[in-house]
Amino acid sequence: MSKKTVNEKSMVILKLFQRVLIIFVSLSILSSCSIYQTISNISRLKYKIYSAADYKVVGITIADKKSLKDFHSIELLKITSGLVRGNLPLTFLLNVEAKNPNDGSGGFARTDLNIASFPWRFYLNEKEIVQGNIDQPVFVPGKGESVIVPIKIEFDIAKSFKEKSMDDILLLLLQIGGAHGSTSNIKLIAKPVLGTPLGKLEYPDEITIVDKSFN
C-alpha cells in the first residue's frame, strides 16, 4: 500500500472523527439547553395555602362554631373526656394551590408538570406538628392556571399542646377551623419532587408555603 493511500485513509478517518465530534458537541449543547430550560420552568411553579376545610375534633364538626358558647354540653363532655385521656384527634383537609405559569408566553416554553411527591411538614403557631406526603401525584398543566393539591392533616391536638387548658384548645380550634377561622397561623414546609420530560427532579431546598401569597 502506497504512502499516499495511507494518508488519504487517515484524512478520511480524521474527517469522520471531526464530524462525529461536532455532532456530539452539538447534541451536548442542545441537551444542556433543554435541561436548563426545564429547570428554569420548574423554578416558576408556585404554591400557597388556598384553604382549610372539614375540621373535626373527636368527630365533632367545628366549622359552624363562632365561640365557646356554640359547643353543646354533650360535645364539651366528649372533648373533656378526650382531653383527660390525652386523646383528642383533629382532622381537616388543607388545600394547597399550585400555579404553573409556563403557558408558552413571556419567552418560556409551555411545560406541563407533575407533582410526583410532596413531602411536607405542618406547622401551627410556628410549632411543627406532623409530617406526611400526598396520596397520589398531581398533574399541573402548563396553561397559566392553578390546581389544588389536597393534603389530609391528622394529629392529636391534646398531645401536641399538652400545656394548654381545654378552653385554650377550644379557642385554638375556633381560630383555625371555626366559622371565622383563618389559615394565617398555618404553614407548610415542603420539598416537592416533580416529574418532567427529563425524569424526576427534586427541589434542591425546602420551600415555605403560607396563605398570603405564592412562595
C-alpha atoms as a PDB file:
ATOM      1  CA  MET A   1       0.000   0.000   0.000  1.00  0.00           C
ATOM      2  CA  SER A   2       1.475   3.345  -1.003  1.00  0.00           C
ATOM      3  CA  LYS A   3       2.143   6.155   1.412  1.00  0.00           C
ATOM      4  CA  LYS A   4      -0.333   8.301  -0.491  1.00  0.00           C
ATOM      5  CA  THR A   5      -3.129   5.769   0.022  1.00  0.00           C
ATOM      6  CA  VAL A   6      -2.392   5.557   3.754  1.00  0.00           C
ATOM      7  CA  ASN A   7      -2.519   9.350   4.081  1.00  0.00           C
ATOM      8  CA  GLU A   8      -5.820   9.528   2.202  1.00  0.00           C
ATOM      9  CA  LYS A   9      -7.367   6.935   4.515  1.00  0.00           C
ATOM     10  CA  SER A  10      -6.042   8.792   7.534  1.00  0.00           C
ATOM     11  CA  MET A  11      -7.612  12.015   6.267  1.00  0.00           C
ATOM     12  CA  VAL A  12     -10.981  10.268   5.759  1.00  0.00           C
ATOM     13  CA  ILE A  13     -10.889   8.834   9.260  1.00  0.00           C
ATOM     14  CA  LEU A  14      -9.918  12.239  10.686  1.00  0.00           C
ATOM     15  CA  LYS A  15     -12.791  13.972   8.871  1.00  0.00           C
ATOM     16  CA  LEU A  16     -15.274  11.348  10.074  1.00  0.00           C
ATOM     17  CA  PHE A  17     -13.980  11.780  13.611  1.00  0.00           C
ATOM     18  CA  GLN A  18     -14.367  15.569  13.349  1.00  0.00           C
ATOM     19  CA  ARG A  19     -17.951  15.210  12.128  1.00  0.00           C
ATOM     20  CA  VAL A  20     -18.813  12.814  14.954  1.00  0.00           C
ATOM     21  CA  LEU A  21     -17.196  15.186  17.439  1.00  0.00           C
ATOM     22  CA  ILE A  22     -19.166  18.150  16.049  1.00  0.00           C
ATOM     23  CA  ILE A  23     -22.421  16.177  16.275  1.00  0.00           C
ATOM     24  CA  PHE A  24     -21.611  15.059  19.827  1.00  0.00           C
ATOM     25  CA  VAL A  25     -20.797  18.609  20.962  1.00  0.00           C
ATOM     26  CA  SER A  26     -23.943  19.966  19.282  1.00  0.00           C
ATOM     27  CA  LEU A  27     -26.133  17.354  20.964  1.00  0.00           C
ATOM     28  CA  SER A  28     -24.477  18.088  24.306  1.00  0.00           C
ATOM     29  CA  ILE A  29     -25.186  21.816  23.911  1.00  0.00           C
ATOM     30  CA  LEU A  30     -28.788  21.148  22.921  1.00  0.00           C
ATOM     31  CA  SER A  31     -29.202  18.753  25.836  1.00  0.00           C
ATOM     32  CA  SER A  32     -27.700  21.302  28.229  1.00  0.00           C
ATOM     33  CA  CYS A  33     -30.060  23.979  26.904  1.00  0.00           C
ATOM     34  CA  SER A  34     -33.009  21.616  27.292  1.00  0.00           C
ATOM     35  CA  ILE A  35     -32.017  20.777  30.862  1.00  0.00           C
ATOM     36  CA  TYR A  36     -31.516  24.459  31.707  1.00  0.00           C
ATOM     37  CA  GLN A  37     -34.883  25.380  30.171  1.00  0.00           C
ATOM     38  CA  THR A  38     -36.666  22.605  32.076  1.00  0.00           C
ATOM     39  CA  ILE A  39     -35.069  23.570  35.392  1.00  0.00           C
ATOM     40  CA  SER A  40     -35.867  27.233  34.717  1.00  0.00           C
ATOM     41  CA  ASN A  41     -39.519  26.374  34.056  1.00  0.00           C
ATOM     42  CA  ILE A  42     -39.747  24.198  37.156  1.00  0.00           C
ATOM     43  CA  SER A  43     -38.499  27.070  39.307  1.00  0.00           C
ATOM     44  CA  ARG A  44     -41.527  29.111  38.204  1.00  0.00           C
ATOM     45  CA  LEU A  45     -44.034  26.686  39.771  1.00  0.00           C
ATOM     46  CA  LYS A  46     -45.533  28.484  42.786  1.00  0.00           C
ATOM     47  CA  TYR A  47     -47.500  27.388  45.852  1.00  0.00           C
ATOM     48  CA  LYS A  48     -49.671  28.900  48.550  1.00  0.00           C
ATOM     49  CA  ILE A  49     -52.248  27.712  51.086  1.00  0.00           C
ATOM     50  CA  TYR A  50     -55.627  28.147  49.447  1.00  0.00           C
ATOM     51  CA  SER A  51     -57.993  26.987  52.197  1.00  0.00           C
ATOM     52  CA  ALA A  52     -58.605  24.539  55.016  1.00  0.00           C
ATOM     53  CA  ALA A  53     -61.904  22.737  55.468  1.00  0.00           C
ATOM     54  CA  ASP A  54     -63.826  19.989  57.215  1.00  0.00           C
ATOM     55  CA  TYR A  55     -62.292  20.473  60.658  1.00  0.00           C
ATOM     56  CA  LYS A  56     -63.345  17.778  63.116  1.00  0.00           C
ATOM     57  CA  VAL A  57     -62.153  17.128  66.652  1.00  0.00           C
ATOM     58  CA  VAL A  58     -63.113  13.719  68.088  1.00  0.00           C
ATOM     59  CA  GLY A  59     -65.651  13.616  65.258  1.00  0.00           C
ATOM     60  CA  ILE A  60     -67.236  16.964  66.167  1.00  0.00           C
ATOM     61  CA  THR A  61     -67.596  19.458  63.295  1.00  0.00           C
ATOM     62  CA  ILE A  62     -66.365  22.910  64.306  1.00  0.00           C
ATOM     63  CA  ALA A  63     -66.889  24.862  61.059  1.00  0.00           C
ATOM     64  CA  ASP A  64     -70.197  26.246  62.392  1.00  0.00           C
ATOM     65  CA  LYS A  65     -68.786  27.313  65.773  1.00  0.00           C
ATOM     66  CA  LYS A  66     -68.254  31.022  66.392  1.00  0.00           C
ATOM     67  CA  SER A  67     -67.485  30.971  70.119  1.00  0.00           C
ATOM     68  CA  LEU A  68     -67.187  28.613  73.098  1.00  0.00           C
ATOM     69  CA  LYS A  69     -70.934  29.038  73.668  1.00  0.00           C
ATOM     70  CA  ASP A  70     -71.631  27.225  70.410  1.00  0.00           C
ATOM     71  CA  PHE A  71     -70.322  23.928  71.786  1.00  0.00           C
ATOM     72  CA  HIS A  72     -73.179  21.837  73.191  1.00  0.00           C
ATOM     73  CA  SER A  73     -72.864  20.202  76.598  1.00  0.00           C
ATOM     74  CA  ILE A  74     -72.532  16.725  75.087  1.00  0.00           C
ATOM     75  CA  GLU A  75     -69.789  17.986  72.754  1.00  0.00           C
ATOM     76  CA  LEU A  76     -67.947  19.607  75.653  1.00  0.00           C
ATOM     77  CA  LEU A  77     -68.226  16.385  77.651  1.00  0.00           C
ATOM     78  CA  LYS A  78     -66.782  14.425  74.752  1.00  0.00           C
ATOM     79  CA  ILE A  79     -63.918  16.881  74.312  1.00  0.00           C
ATOM     80  CA  THR A  80     -63.214  16.984  78.070  1.00  0.00           C
ATOM     81  CA  SER A  81     -63.161  13.205  78.231  1.00  0.00           C
ATOM     82  CA  GLY A  82     -60.736  13.046  75.311  1.00  0.00           C
ATOM     83  CA  LEU A  83     -58.518  15.705  76.857  1.00  0.00           C
ATOM     84  CA  VAL A  84     -58.363  13.834  80.178  1.00  0.00           C
ATOM     85  CA  ARG A  85     -57.357  10.656  78.341  1.00  0.00           C
ATOM     86  CA  GLY A  86     -54.835  12.620  76.273  1.00  0.00           C
ATOM     87  CA  ASN A  87     -56.569  11.563  73.082  1.00  0.00           C
ATOM     88  CA  LEU A  88     -58.112  14.408  71.087  1.00  0.00           C
ATOM     89  CA  PRO A  89     -57.714  13.674  67.337  1.00  0.00           C
ATOM     90  CA  LEU A  90     -58.111  16.608  64.967  1.00  0.00           C
ATOM     91  CA  THR A  91     -58.608  16.065  61.241  1.00  0.00           C
ATOM     92  CA  PHE A  92     -59.064  18.504  58.368  1.00  0.00           C
ATOM     93  CA  LEU A  93     -58.269  18.998  54.695  1.00  0.00           C
ATOM     94  CA  LEU A  94     -55.601  21.533  53.779  1.00  0.00           C
ATOM     95  CA  ASN A  95     -55.819  22.724  50.176  1.00  0.00           C
ATOM     96  CA  VAL A  96     -52.558  23.937  48.639  1.00  0.00           C
ATOM     97  CA  GLU A  97     -52.806  25.921  45.408  1.00  0.00           C
ATOM     98  CA  ALA A  98     -50.131  25.110  42.816  1.00  0.00           C
ATOM     99  CA  LYS A  99     -49.775  27.546  39.922  1.00  0.00           C
ATOM    100  CA  ASN A 100     -47.887  26.704  36.743  1.00  0.00           C
ATOM    101  CA  PRO A 101     -47.234  29.896  34.732  1.00  0.00           C
ATOM    102  CA  ASN A 102     -45.380  28.034  31.957  1.00  0.00           C
ATOM    103  CA  ASP A 103     -48.066  28.584  29.317  1.00  0.00           C
ATOM    104  CA  GLY A 104     -45.682  29.345  26.454  1.00  0.00           C
ATOM    105  CA  SER A 105     -45.715  33.129  26.847  1.00  0.00           C
ATOM    106  CA  GLY A 106     -43.028  35.534  28.006  1.00  0.00           C
ATOM    107  CA  GLY A 107     -40.206  33.636  26.340  1.00  0.00           C
ATOM    108  CA  PHE A 108     -40.803  30.456  28.345  1.00  0.00           C
ATOM    109  CA  ALA A 109     -41.800  27.203  26.665  1.00  0.00           C
ATOM    110  CA  ARG A 110     -45.057  25.600  27.701  1.00  0.00           C
ATOM    111  CA  THR A 111     -44.244  22.939  30.272  1.00  0.00           C
ATOM    112  CA  ASP A 112     -46.690  20.506  31.843  1.00  0.00           C
ATOM    113  CA  LEU A 113     -45.521  19.400  35.278  1.00  0.00           C
ATOM    114  CA  ASN A 114     -46.432  16.515  37.517  1.00  0.00           C
ATOM    115  CA  ILE A 115     -46.017  16.722  41.289  1.00  0.00           C
ATOM    116  CA  ALA A 116     -44.812  13.166  41.834  1.00  0.00           C
ATOM    117  CA  SER A 117     -44.108  13.540  45.538  1.00  0.00           C
ATOM    118  CA  PHE A 118     -44.716  16.309  48.060  1.00  0.00           C
ATOM    119  CA  PRO A 119     -43.111  15.528  51.443  1.00  0.00           C
ATOM    120  CA  TRP A 120     -44.317  18.170  53.884  1.00  0.00           C
ATOM    121  CA  ARG A 121     -44.061  19.325  57.479  1.00  0.00           C
ATOM    122  CA  PHE A 122     -47.099  21.032  59.006  1.00  0.00           C
ATOM    123  CA  TYR A 123     -46.711  23.942  61.422  1.00  0.00           C
ATOM    124  CA  LEU A 124     -49.338  25.518  63.677  1.00  0.00           C
ATOM    125  CA  ASN A 125     -48.426  28.684  65.583  1.00  0.00           C
ATOM    126  CA  GLU A 126     -44.802  28.156  64.447  1.00  0.00           C
ATOM    127  CA  LYS A 127     -44.737  24.711  66.072  1.00  0.00           C
ATOM    128  CA  GLU A 128     -44.019  21.636  63.963  1.00  0.00           C
ATOM    129  CA  ILE A 129     -46.922  19.251  64.450  1.00  0.00           C
ATOM    130  CA  VAL A 130     -46.934  16.455  61.897  1.00  0.00           C
ATOM    131  CA  GLN A 131     -45.281  15.254  58.683  1.00  0.00           C
ATOM    132  CA  GLY A 132     -46.620  13.481  55.634  1.00  0.00           C
ATOM    133  CA  ASN A 133     -46.889  13.251  51.857  1.00  0.00           C
ATOM    134  CA  ILE A 134     -49.567  13.388  49.165  1.00  0.00           C
ATOM    135  CA  ASP A 135     -51.528  10.203  48.439  1.00  0.00           C
ATOM    136  CA  GLN A 136     -51.039  10.371  44.668  1.00  0.00           C
ATOM    137  CA  PRO A 137     -49.331  12.516  42.018  1.00  0.00           C
ATOM    138  CA  VAL A 138     -50.955  15.797  40.959  1.00  0.00           C
ATOM    139  CA  PHE A 139     -50.837  16.997  37.342  1.00  0.00           C
ATOM    140  CA  VAL A 140     -50.281  20.750  36.837  1.00  0.00           C
ATOM    141  CA  PRO A 141     -50.837  21.670  33.148  1.00  0.00           C
ATOM    142  CA  GLY A 142     -48.862  24.480  31.531  1.00  0.00           C
ATOM    143  CA  LYS A 143     -51.865  26.734  30.991  1.00  0.00           C
ATOM    144  CA  GLY A 144     -51.102  29.505  33.448  1.00  0.00           C
ATOM    145  CA  GLU A 145     -53.793  28.068  35.699  1.00  0.00           C
ATOM    146  CA  SER A 146     -53.847  26.702  39.234  1.00  0.00           C
ATOM    147  CA  VAL A 147     -54.732  23.294  40.605  1.00  0.00           C
ATOM    148  CA  ILE A 148     -55.429  22.219  44.174  1.00  0.00           C
ATOM    149  CA  VAL A 149     -53.148  19.792  45.964  1.00  0.00           C
ATOM    150  CA  PRO A 150     -55.303  18.226  48.731  1.00  0.00           C
ATOM    151  CA  ILE A 151     -53.476  17.331  51.928  1.00  0.00           C
ATOM    152  CA  LYS A 152     -55.166  15.447  54.727  1.00  0.00           C
ATOM    153  CA  ILE A 153     -53.945  16.617  58.133  1.00  0.00           C
ATOM    154  CA  GLU A 154     -54.479  14.426  61.178  1.00  0.00           C
ATOM    155  CA  PHE A 155     -52.904  14.727  64.611  1.00  0.00           C
ATOM    156  CA  ASP A 156     -53.702  14.591  68.327  1.00  0.00           C
ATOM    157  CA  ILE A 157     -54.119  18.176  69.435  1.00  0.00           C
ATOM    158  CA  ALA A 158     -54.107  17.160  73.121  1.00  0.00           C
ATOM    159  CA  LYS A 159     -50.642  15.648  72.776  1.00  0.00           C
ATOM    160  CA  SER A 160     -49.347  18.443  70.553  1.00  0.00           C
ATOM    161  CA  PHE A 161     -50.425  21.155  73.009  1.00  0.00           C
ATOM    162  CA  LYS A 162     -50.123  19.476  76.403  1.00  0.00           C
ATOM    163  CA  GLU A 163     -49.518  22.797  78.124  1.00  0.00           C
ATOM    164  CA  LYS A 164     -52.906  24.248  77.100  1.00  0.00           C
ATOM    165  CA  SER A 165     -56.164  24.066  79.026  1.00  0.00           C
ATOM    166  CA  MET A 166     -59.415  22.883  77.449  1.00  0.00           C
ATOM    167  CA  ASP A 167     -60.573  26.468  76.889  1.00  0.00           C
ATOM    168  CA  ASP A 168     -57.246  27.311  75.222  1.00  0.00           C
ATOM    169  CA  ILE A 169     -57.545  24.314  72.900  1.00  0.00           C
ATOM    170  CA  LEU A 170     -61.145  25.179  72.027  1.00  0.00           C
ATOM    171  CA  LEU A 171     -60.132  28.755  71.255  1.00  0.00           C
ATOM    172  CA  LEU A 172     -57.299  27.474  69.071  1.00  0.00           C
ATOM    173  CA  LEU A 173     -59.746  25.220  67.225  1.00  0.00           C
ATOM    174  CA  LEU A 174     -62.066  28.173  66.646  1.00  0.00           C
ATOM    175  CA  GLN A 175     -59.146  30.293  65.483  1.00  0.00           C
ATOM    176  CA  ILE A 176     -58.183  27.876  62.723  1.00  0.00           C
ATOM    177  CA  GLY A 177     -61.382  25.977  61.931  1.00  0.00           C
ATOM    178  CA  GLY A 178     -64.372  27.847  63.321  1.00  0.00           C
ATOM    179  CA  ALA A 179     -66.907  29.937  61.426  1.00  0.00           C
ATOM    180  CA  HIS A 180     -64.398  32.808  61.359  1.00  0.00           C
ATOM    181  CA  GLY A 181     -61.335  30.591  61.169  1.00  0.00           C
ATOM    182  CA  SER A 182     -58.171  31.585  59.365  1.00  0.00           C
ATOM    183  CA  THR A 183     -55.115  29.828  57.953  1.00  0.00           C
ATOM    184  CA  SER A 184     -52.837  32.757  58.825  1.00  0.00           C
ATOM    185  CA  ASN A 185     -51.138  30.805  61.630  1.00  0.00           C
ATOM    186  CA  ILE A 186     -50.622  27.715  59.471  1.00  0.00           C
ATOM    187  CA  LYS A 187     -47.700  26.955  57.205  1.00  0.00           C
ATOM    188  CA  LEU A 188     -46.163  24.053  55.332  1.00  0.00           C
ATOM    189  CA  ILE A 189     -42.519  23.394  54.672  1.00  0.00           C
ATOM    190  CA  ALA A 190     -42.178  21.073  51.692  1.00  0.00           C
ATOM    191  CA  LYS A 191     -39.622  19.658  49.264  1.00  0.00           C
ATOM    192  CA  PRO A 192     -41.512  18.747  46.068  1.00  0.00           C
ATOM    193  CA  VAL A 193     -40.386  16.122  43.587  1.00  0.00           C
ATOM    194  CA  LEU A 194     -41.564  16.863  40.043  1.00  0.00           C
ATOM    195  CA  GLY A 195     -41.992  14.558  37.107  1.00  0.00           C
ATOM    196  CA  THR A 196     -40.563  16.169  33.956  1.00  0.00           C
ATOM    197  CA  PRO A 197     -39.601  15.086  30.424  1.00  0.00           C
ATOM    198  CA  LEU A 198     -36.100  14.602  31.866  1.00  0.00           C
ATOM    199  CA  GLY A 199     -37.319  12.371  34.692  1.00  0.00           C
ATOM    200  CA  LYS A 200     -37.992  13.130  38.354  1.00  0.00           C
ATOM    201  CA  LEU A 201     -36.361  16.276  39.718  1.00  0.00           C
ATOM    202  CA  GLU A 202     -36.259  17.099  43.421  1.00  0.00           C
ATOM    203  CA  TYR A 203     -36.193  20.678  44.675  1.00  0.00           C
ATOM    204  CA  PRO A 204     -32.685  21.462  45.964  1.00  0.00           C
ATOM    205  CA  ASP A 205     -34.082  23.156  49.090  1.00  0.00           C
ATOM    206  CA  GLU A 206     -37.275  23.115  51.109  1.00  0.00           C
ATOM    207  CA  ILE A 207     -39.869  25.792  50.400  1.00  0.00           C
ATOM    208  CA  THR A 208     -42.175  27.566  52.858  1.00  0.00           C
ATOM    209  CA  ILE A 209     -45.859  27.733  51.911  1.00  0.00           C
ATOM    210  CA  VAL A 210     -48.207  30.241  53.572  1.00  0.00           C
ATOM    211  CA  ASP A 211     -51.642  31.649  52.815  1.00  0.00           C
ATOM    212  CA  LYS A 212     -50.943  35.280  51.930  1.00  0.00           C
ATOM    213  CA  SER A 213     -49.031  34.948  48.694  1.00  0.00           C
ATOM    214  CA  PHE A 214     -47.288  32.460  46.436  1.00  0.00           C
ATOM    215  CA  ASN A 215     -43.849  31.421  47.648  1.00  0.00           C
END
